Amino acid sequence: MKGTEISSFEKIGYVKNLQKDADINDFETISVNTKNGEQVTLYRSKEYKNERDEKLNFRNSWEVFNSLL
């Protein structure tokens, strides 16, 4: 994974490091592998929501699709 791809995760609210006093239970995590094989863990607040996340959430669309079958 290239640095530009990690930066795309940062655009949607993920950070590489948590603040010292942050509670890990308040964050969702994602592990990504860099191009050289290094594994990086990114964190995002569970409360962080934006319009793009809702557009990428296909669960609702899938439920509507299945209801019309």
PDB file of N, CA and C in Angstrom:
ATOM      1  N   MET A   1       0.844  -1.174   0.000  1.00  0.00           N
ATOM      2  CA  MET A   1       0.000   0.000   0.000  1.00  0.00           C
ATOM      3  C   MET A   1       0.885   1.230   0.000  1.00  0.00           C
ATOM      4  N   LYS A   2       0.581   2.141  -0.870  1.00  0.00           N
ATOM      5  CA  LYS A   2       1.387   3.349  -1.000  1.00  0.00           C
ATOM      6  C   LYS A   2       0.944   4.388   0.020  1.00  0.00           C
ATOM      7  N   GLY A   3       1.793   5.379   0.235  1.00  0.00           N
ATOM      8  CA  GLY A   3       1.478   6.457   1.155  1.00  0.00           C
ATOM      9  C   GLY A   3       0.252   7.242   0.747  1.00  0.00           C
ATOM     10  N   THR A   4       0.022   7.358  -0.556  1.00  0.00           N
ATOM     11  CA  THR A   4      -1.157   8.088  -1.016  1.00  0.00           C
ATOM     12  C   THR A   4      -2.435   7.346  -0.651  1.00  0.00           C
ATOM     13  N   GLU A   5      -2.389   6.012  -0.626  1.00  0.00           N
ATOM     14  CA  GLU A   5      -3.564   5.241  -0.233  1.00  0.00           C
ATOM     15  C   GLU A   5      -3.838   5.406   1.257  1.00  0.00           C
ATOM     16  N   ILE A   6      -2.802   5.456   2.077  1.00  0.00           N
ATOM     17  CA  ILE A   6      -2.994   5.696   3.500  1.00  0.00           C
ATOM     18  C   ILE A   6      -3.578   7.090   3.695  1.00  0.00           C
ATOM     19  N   SER A   7      -3.116   8.038   2.908  1.00  0.00           N
ATOM     20  CA  SER A   7      -3.645   9.391   3.022  1.00  0.00           C
ATOM     21  C   SER A   7      -5.125   9.423   2.673  1.00  0.00           C
ATOM     22  N   SER A   8      -5.603   8.540   1.795  1.00  0.00           N
ATOM     23  CA  SER A   8      -7.030   8.497   1.498  1.00  0.00           C
ATOM     24  C   SER A   8      -7.818   8.028   2.719  1.00  0.00           C
ATOM     25  N   PHE A   9      -7.238   7.153   3.526  1.00  0.00           N
ATOM     26  CA  PHE A   9      -7.877   6.762   4.786  1.00  0.00           C
ATOM     27  C   PHE A   9      -7.888   7.947   5.758  1.00  0.00           C
ATOM     28  N   GLU A  10      -6.828   8.717   5.751  1.00  0.00           N
ATOM     29  CA  GLU A  10      -6.762   9.883   6.644  1.00  0.00           C
ATOM     30  C   GLU A  10      -7.810  10.927   6.255  1.00  0.00           C
ATOM     31  N   LYS A  11      -8.152  11.006   4.975  1.00  0.00           N
ATOM     32  CA  LYS A  11      -9.180  11.951   4.535  1.00  0.00           C
ATOM     33  C   LYS A  11     -10.544  11.611   5.109  1.00  0.00           C
ATOM     34  N   ILE A  12     -10.787  10.338   5.404  1.00  0.00           N
ATOM     35  CA  ILE A  12     -12.080   9.951   5.956  1.00  0.00           C
ATOM     36  C   ILE A  12     -12.027   9.763   7.467  1.00  0.00           C
ATOM     37  N   GLY A  13     -10.975  10.324   8.095  1.00  0.00           N
ATOM     38  CA  GLY A  13     -10.960  10.393   9.548  1.00  0.00           C
ATOM     39  C   GLY A  13     -10.025   9.453  10.277  1.00  0.00           C
ATOM     40  N   TYR A  14      -9.288   8.609   9.575  1.00  0.00           N
ATOM     41  CA  TYR A  14      -8.356   7.702  10.249  1.00  0.00           C
ATOM     42  C   TYR A  14      -7.059   8.422  10.582  1.00  0.00           C
ATOM     43  N   VAL A  15      -6.467   8.073  11.721  1.00  0.00           N
ATOM     44  CA  VAL A  15      -5.182   8.618  12.137  1.00  0.00           C
ATOM     45  C   VAL A  15      -4.244   7.471  12.470  1.00  0.00           C
ATOM     46  N   LYS A  16      -2.954   7.737  12.369  1.00  0.00           N
ATOM     47  CA  LYS A  16      -1.959   6.695  12.648  1.00  0.00           C
ATOM     48  C   LYS A  16      -1.706   6.515  14.134  1.00  0.00           C
ATOM     49  N   ASN A  17      -1.770   7.599  14.887  1.00  0.00           N
ATOM     50  CA  ASN A  17      -1.470   7.537  16.320  1.00  0.00           C
ATOM     51  C   ASN A  17      -2.609   8.138  17.127  1.00  0.00           C
ATOM     52  N   LEU A  18      -2.884   7.535  18.270  1.00  0.00           N
ATOM     53  CA  LEU A  18      -3.889   8.068  19.183  1.00  0.00           C
ATOM     54  C   LEU A  18      -3.235   9.023  20.165  1.00  0.00           C
ATOM     55  N   GLN A  19      -4.036   9.936  20.702  1.00  0.00           N
ATOM     56  CA  GLN A  19      -3.539  10.806  21.752  1.00  0.00           C
ATOM     57  C   GLN A  19      -3.255   9.962  22.990  1.00  0.00           C
ATOM     58  N   LYS A  20      -2.389  10.445  23.836  1.00  0.00           N
ATOM     59  CA  LYS A  20      -1.961   9.694  25.000  1.00  0.00           C
ATOM     60  C   LYS A  20      -3.120   9.343  25.932  1.00  0.00           C
ATOM     61  N   ASP A  21      -4.088  10.242  26.101  1.00  0.00           N
ATOM     62  CA  ASP A  21      -5.193  10.013  27.030  1.00  0.00           C
ATOM     63  C   ASP A  21      -6.433   9.418  26.354  1.00  0.00           C
ATOM     64  N   ALA A  22      -6.341   8.992  25.097  1.00  0.00           N
ATOM     65  CA  ALA A  22      -7.491   8.463  24.361  1.00  0.00           C
ATOM     66  C   ALA A  22      -7.839   7.052  24.815  1.00  0.00           C
ATOM     67  N   ASP A  23      -9.132   6.758  24.842  1.00  0.00           N
ATOM     68  CA  ASP A  23      -9.614   5.423  25.186  1.00  0.00           C
ATOM     69  C   ASP A  23      -9.736   4.605  23.904  1.00  0.00           C
ATOM     70  N   ILE A  24      -9.026   3.495  23.819  1.00  0.00           N
ATOM     71  CA  ILE A  24      -9.000   2.666  22.617  1.00  0.00           C
ATOM     72  C   ILE A  24     -10.393   2.142  22.275  1.00  0.00           C
ATOM     73  N   ASN A  25     -11.271   2.007  23.265  1.00  0.00           N
ATOM     74  CA  ASN A  25     -12.620   1.495  23.028  1.00  0.00           C
ATOM     75  C   ASN A  25     -13.510   2.490  22.284  1.00  0.00           C
ATOM     76  N   ASP A  26     -13.096   3.741  22.208  1.00  0.00           N
ATOM     77  CA  ASP A  26     -13.851   4.761  21.495  1.00  0.00           C
ATOM     78  C   ASP A  26     -13.462   4.857  20.025  1.00  0.00           C
ATOM     79  N   PHE A  27     -12.597   3.964  19.565  1.00  0.00           N
ATOM     80  CA  PHE A  27     -12.080   4.028  18.201  1.00  0.00           C
ATOM     81  C   PHE A  27     -12.283   2.707  17.478  1.00  0.00           C
ATOM     82  N   GLU A  28     -12.545   2.796  16.178  1.00  0.00           N
ATOM     83  CA  GLU A  28     -12.520   1.619  15.328  1.00  0.00           C
ATOM     84  C   GLU A  28     -11.140   1.565  14.690  1.00  0.00           C
ATOM     85  N   THR A  29     -10.662   0.368  14.400  1.00  0.00           N
ATOM     86  CA  THR A  29      -9.320   0.218  13.843  1.00  0.00           C
ATOM     87  C   THR A  29      -9.386  -0.505  12.508  1.00  0.00           C
ATOM     88  N   ILE A  30      -8.379  -0.238  11.716  1.00  0.00           N
ATOM     89  CA  ILE A  30      -8.201  -0.939  10.452  1.00  0.00           C
ATOM     90  C   ILE A  30      -6.704  -1.165  10.286  1.00  0.00           C
ATOM     91  N   SER A  31      -6.332  -2.365   9.878  1.00  0.00           N
ATOM     92  CA  SER A  31      -4.930  -2.689   9.635  1.00  0.00           C
ATOM     93  C   SER A  31      -4.705  -2.778   8.139  1.00  0.00           C
ATOM     94  N   VAL A  32      -3.710  -2.072   7.663  1.00  0.00           N
ATOM     95  CA  VAL A  32      -3.374  -2.081   6.244  1.00  0.00           C
ATOM     96  C   VAL A  32      -1.909  -2.447   6.081  1.00  0.00           C
ATOM     97  N   ASN A  33      -1.606  -3.072   4.975  1.00  0.00           N
ATOM     98  CA  ASN A  33      -0.228  -3.430   4.667  1.00  0.00           C
ATOM     99  C   ASN A  33       0.332  -2.443   3.661  1.00  0.00           C
ATOM    100  N   THR A  34       1.532  -1.947   3.947  1.00  0.00           N
ATOM    101  CA  THR A  34       2.195  -1.050   3.018  1.00  0.00           C
ATOM    102  C   THR A  34       2.818  -1.875   1.895  1.00  0.00           C
ATOM    103  N   LYS A  35       3.295  -1.189   0.896  1.00  0.00           N
ATOM    104  CA  LYS A  35       3.884  -1.859  -0.255  1.00  0.00           C
ATOM    105  C   LYS A  35       5.097  -2.708   0.143  1.00  0.00           C
ATOM    106  N   ASN A  36       5.841  -2.260   1.157  1.00  0.00           N
ATOM    107  CA  ASN A  36       7.022  -3.016   1.582  1.00  0.00           C
ATOM    108  C   ASN A  36       6.689  -4.083   2.622  1.00  0.00           C
ATOM    109  N   GLY A  37       5.397  -4.346   2.866  1.00  0.00           N
ATOM    110  CA  GLY A  37       4.992  -5.423   3.756  1.00  0.00           C
ATOM    111  C   GLY A  37       4.780  -5.015   5.200  1.00  0.00           C
ATOM    112  N   GLU A  38       5.038  -3.776   5.537  1.00  0.00           N
ATOM    113  CA  GLU A  38       4.849  -3.298   6.900  1.00  0.00           C
ATOM    114  C   GLU A  38       3.349  -3.151   7.175  1.00  0.00           C
ATOM    115  N   GLN A  39       2.925  -3.609   8.355  1.00  0.00           N
ATOM    116  CA  GLN A  39       1.519  -3.491   8.728  1.00  0.00           C
ATOM    117  C   GLN A  39       1.319  -2.231   9.562  1.00  0.00           C
ATOM    118  N   VAL A  40       0.338  -1.406   9.165  1.00  0.00           N
ATOM    119  CA  VAL A  40       0.050  -0.147   9.831  1.00  0.00           C
ATOM    120  C   VAL A  40      -1.375  -0.223  10.358  1.00  0.00           C
ATOM    121  N   THR A  41      -1.569   0.154  11.616  1.00  0.00           N
ATOM    122  CA  THR A  41      -2.901   0.206  12.204  1.00  0.00           C
ATOM    123  C   THR A  41      -3.363   1.647  12.237  1.00  0.00           C
ATOM    124  N   LEU A  42      -4.559   1.891  11.694  1.00  0.00           N
ATOM    125  CA  LEU A  42      -5.144   3.223  11.673  1.00  0.00           C
ATOM    126  C   LEU A  42      -6.376   3.228  12.573  1.00  0.00           C
ATOM    127  N   TYR A  43      -6.647   4.370  13.176  1.00  0.00           N
ATOM    128  CA  TYR A  43      -7.737   4.505  14.142  1.00  0.00           C
ATOM    129  C   TYR A  43      -8.690   5.612  13.695  1.00  0.00           C
ATOM    130  N   ARG A  44      -9.986   5.405  13.959  1.00  0.00           N
ATOM    131  CA  ARG A  44     -10.980   6.445  13.681  1.00  0.00           C
ATOM    132  C   ARG A  44     -12.024   6.415  14.791  1.00  0.00           C
ATOM    133  N   SER A  45     -12.390   7.588  15.249  1.00  0.00           N
ATOM    134  CA  SER A  45     -13.393   7.706  16.295  1.00  0.00           C
ATOM    135  C   SER A  45     -14.697   7.074  15.825  1.00  0.00           C
ATOM    136  N   LYS A  46     -15.345   6.315  16.703  1.00  0.00           N
ATOM    137  CA  LYS A  46     -16.620   5.687  16.354  1.00  0.00           C
ATOM    138  C   LYS A  46     -17.695   6.729  16.111  1.00  0.00           C
ATOM    139  N   GLU A  47     -17.530   7.906  16.674  1.00  0.00           N
ATOM    140  CA  GLU A  47     -18.511   8.970  16.505  1.00  0.00           C
ATOM    141  C   GLU A  47     -18.327   9.722  15.191  1.00  0.00           C
ATOM    142  N   TYR A  48     -17.195   9.509  14.516  1.00  0.00           N
ATOM    143  CA  TYR A  48     -16.905  10.226  13.282  1.00  0.00           C
ATOM    144  C   TYR A  48     -17.815   9.720  12.169  1.00  0.00           C
ATOM    145  N   LYS A  49     -18.611  10.583  11.648  1.00  0.00           N
ATOM    146  CA  LYS A  49     -19.489  10.246  10.523  1.00  0.00           C
ATOM    147  C   LYS A  49     -19.414  11.380   9.517  1.00  0.00           C
ATOM    148  N   ASN A  50     -19.507  11.039   8.274  1.00  0.00           N
ATOM    149  CA  ASN A  50     -19.639  12.075   7.258  1.00  0.00           C
ATOM    150  C   ASN A  50     -20.459  11.536   6.105  1.00  0.00           C
ATOM    151  N   GLU A  51     -20.800  12.395   5.204  1.00  0.00           N
ATOM    152  CA  GLU A  51     -21.677  12.036   4.095  1.00  0.00           C
ATOM    153  C   GLU A  51     -21.067  10.962   3.212  1.00  0.00           C
ATOM    154  N   ARG A  52     -19.782  10.977   3.043  1.00  0.00           N
ATOM    155  CA  ARG A  52     -19.134   9.994   2.180  1.00  0.00           C
ATOM    156  C   ARG A  52     -19.282   8.588   2.745  1.00  0.00           C
ATOM    157  N   ASP A  53     -19.185   8.440   4.062  1.00  0.00           N
ATOM    158  CA  ASP A  53     -19.361   7.125   4.666  1.00  0.00           C
ATOM    159  C   ASP A  53     -20.745   6.570   4.362  1.00  0.00           C
ATOM    160  N   GLU A  54     -21.746   7.427   4.404  1.00  0.00           N
ATOM    161  CA  GLU A  54     -23.105   6.982   4.123  1.00  0.00           C
ATOM    162  C   GLU A  54     -23.266   6.582   2.661  1.00  0.00           C
ATOM    163  N   LYS A  55     -22.585   7.274   1.761  1.00  0.00           N
ATOM    164  CA  LYS A  55     -22.656   6.919   0.346  1.00  0.00           C
ATOM    165  C   LYS A  55     -21.979   5.582   0.091  1.00  0.00           C
ATOM    166  N   LEU A  56     -20.928   5.273   0.832  1.00  0.00           N
ATOM    167  CA  LEU A  56     -20.207   4.025   0.635  1.00  0.00           C
ATOM    168  C   LEU A  56     -20.842   2.858   1.378  1.00  0.00           C
ATOM    169  N   ASN A  57     -21.852   3.114   2.190  1.00  0.00           N
ATOM    170  CA  ASN A  57     -22.524   2.065   2.935  1.00  0.00           C
ATOM    171  C   ASN A  57     -23.583   1.435   2.034  1.00  0.00           C
ATOM    172  N   PHE A  58     -23.281   0.254   1.504  1.00  0.00           N
ATOM    173  CA  PHE A  58     -24.171  -0.394   0.559  1.00  0.00           C
ATOM    174  C   PHE A  58     -25.208  -1.287   1.243  1.00  0.00           C
ATOM    175  N   ARG A  59     -25.128  -1.439   2.543  1.00  0.00           N
ATOM    176  CA  ARG A  59     -26.051  -2.321   3.254  1.00  0.00           C
ATOM    177  C   ARG A  59     -27.500  -1.880   3.025  1.00  0.00           C
ATOM    178  N   ASN A  60     -27.779  -0.594   3.165  1.00  0.00           N
ATOM    179  CA  ASN A  60     -29.135  -0.098   2.981  1.00  0.00           C
ATOM    180  C   ASN A  60     -29.615  -0.344   1.548  1.00  0.00           C
ATOM    181  N   SER A  61     -28.769  -0.084   0.574  1.00  0.00           N
ATOM    182  CA  SER A  61     -29.133  -0.323  -0.824  1.00  0.00           C
ATOM    183  C   SER A  61     -29.384  -1.806  -1.079  1.00  0.00           C
ATOM    184  N   TRP A  62     -28.590  -2.649  -0.480  1.00  0.00           N
ATOM    185  CA  TRP A  62     -28.732  -4.087  -0.653  1.00  0.00           C
ATOM    186  C   TRP A  62     -30.060  -4.562  -0.060  1.00  0.00           C
ATOM    187  N   GLU A  63     -30.443  -4.022   1.084  1.00  0.00           N
ATOM    188  CA  GLU A  63     -31.720  -4.396   1.704  1.00  0.00           C
ATOM    189  C   GLU A  63     -32.890  -3.949   0.842  1.00  0.00           C
ATOM    190  N   VAL A  64     -32.812  -2.768   0.242  1.00  0.00           N
ATOM    191  CA  VAL A  64     -33.868  -2.300  -0.657  1.00  0.00           C
ATOM    192  C   VAL A  64     -33.937  -3.204  -1.886  1.00  0.00           C
ATOM    193  N   PHE A  65     -32.801  -3.526  -2.450  1.00  0.00           N
ATOM    194  CA  PHE A  65     -32.747  -4.407  -3.615  1.00  0.00           C
ATOM    195  C   PHE A  65     -33.400  -5.753  -3.314  1.00  0.00           C
ATOM    196  N   ASN A  66     -33.044  -6.354  -2.185  1.00  0.00           N
ATOM    197  CA  ASN A  66     -33.606  -7.651  -1.817  1.00  0.00           C
ATOM    198  C   ASN A  66     -35.097  -7.572  -1.536  1.00  0.00           C
ATOM    199  N   SER A  67     -35.554  -6.455  -1.021  1.00  0.00           N
ATOM    200  CA  SER A  67     -36.990  -6.324  -0.738  1.00  0.00           C
ATOM    201  C   SER A  67     -37.817  -6.234  -2.021  1.00  0.00           C
ATOM    202  N   LEU A  68     -37.190  -5.832  -3.125  1.00  0.00           N
ATOM    203  CA  LEU A  68     -37.898  -5.696  -4.388  1.00  0.00           C
ATOM    204  C   LEU A  68     -37.883  -6.971  -5.219  1.00  0.00           C
ATOM    205  N   LEU A  69     -37.160  -7.976  -4.763  1.00  0.00           N
ATOM    206  CA  LEU A  69     -37.105  -9.246  -5.521  1.00  0.00           C
ATOM    207  C   LEU A  69     -38.361 -10.054  -5.353  1.00  0.00           C
TER     208      LEU A  69
END
